[in-house]
Amino acid sequence: MFLGAKISYRDIDDKTFNLKPDAHDMADAGYTHCIVANIFGHPARLEWWRKAADTYGFILIEDNAQSPFATIGGRFAGTVGHVGVFSLNVHKHIQCGEGGIIVTDDDKIAAEARNFINHGELACSRIGLNLRMTEVTAAMAHSQINKAINIIYDRQRQASAITMAVRLFDWIEPPFHYEDCSHVFYAWACKVLSEKIGIEREKIVAAIEAEGFPIKCGYPPLHRMQAFKDANISYPLKVAERMHDWEIALVENCTYTFTTTQIHQLGTILQKIEMHRNELR
């Protein structure tokens, strides 16, 4: 939108919360570019999107900020599209305070990106911005990359432990992942099924927080944010809105490193909620 591009929003699936593949949409859209986010650490259906890009002639950009080292069909997320974007922001898996990485196997796109981040100085006639990473930041990022696999394994281990802690409660649906994918858990995103316990999600989350375990409701869709409030919504976004308003709850797995005792306490808290369900209602 900053560059004057026309933005078209699409809905998500209710399992992984990624952009939902829709052949009818693609045939009608006439995209020049398409951005697909690999959300919460789980890849979108990237093979489908790349095939659509090749069929309809658009550039596929993967926003892989939350899914470094996630895989789909044996390939790393961020490498299936024409362009992959990785974040090194302070709350990501790999962090150096700020900045990011662009990957591509297209020489023309690589040259355009290098020129753009160097405000086009000497190299080309197109105007760019000064977006160069500093040497000090790059040195920290390089060190983080060397630790990346161990960091990812730790996030996955914690997420598995949290899933085990909630497995006895049918009103908590843990994160889903497809068999051909690995999930790297930027966040442990579950669904709270209020109809099964008869308590609103907000009350459940508030009760968990009151016991000292960090969790929050929802994940605001872009079109609900103030900066994008004037965007044209031409397609219904029912699933994204339902997930944010009623079902999704997040444990920010990249922000906290939980002890075994703290994760066990989560199961105790949920048991306590069940025991006092009538009061919470």
Foldseek 3Di string as FASTA:
>chain_A
DVVPDADADAAADQAQRWGDDDPVCLVPPLDQEDETECPQAARDPLVSVLVSCVVSVHFYEYADQAHAQKDFQRHTPQASTQKRKYWQDPLHLHHLNGDTDMDGPDPVVVLVVVCQCCLNPPPDDDGHHVNDDDPVSVVSSVVSVVCRVVSQVLLVVVLVLLCVLCVVPPQKAWHDHDPRIDGSGQKGKIWGNCVVLVFFPVLLQVLLVVVPADKAAADDDPCPDPVNVPRDHPDDHVSNVCRRPGIIMIDRSSVDRDDSVSSNVSSVSVVVCSVCVVVND
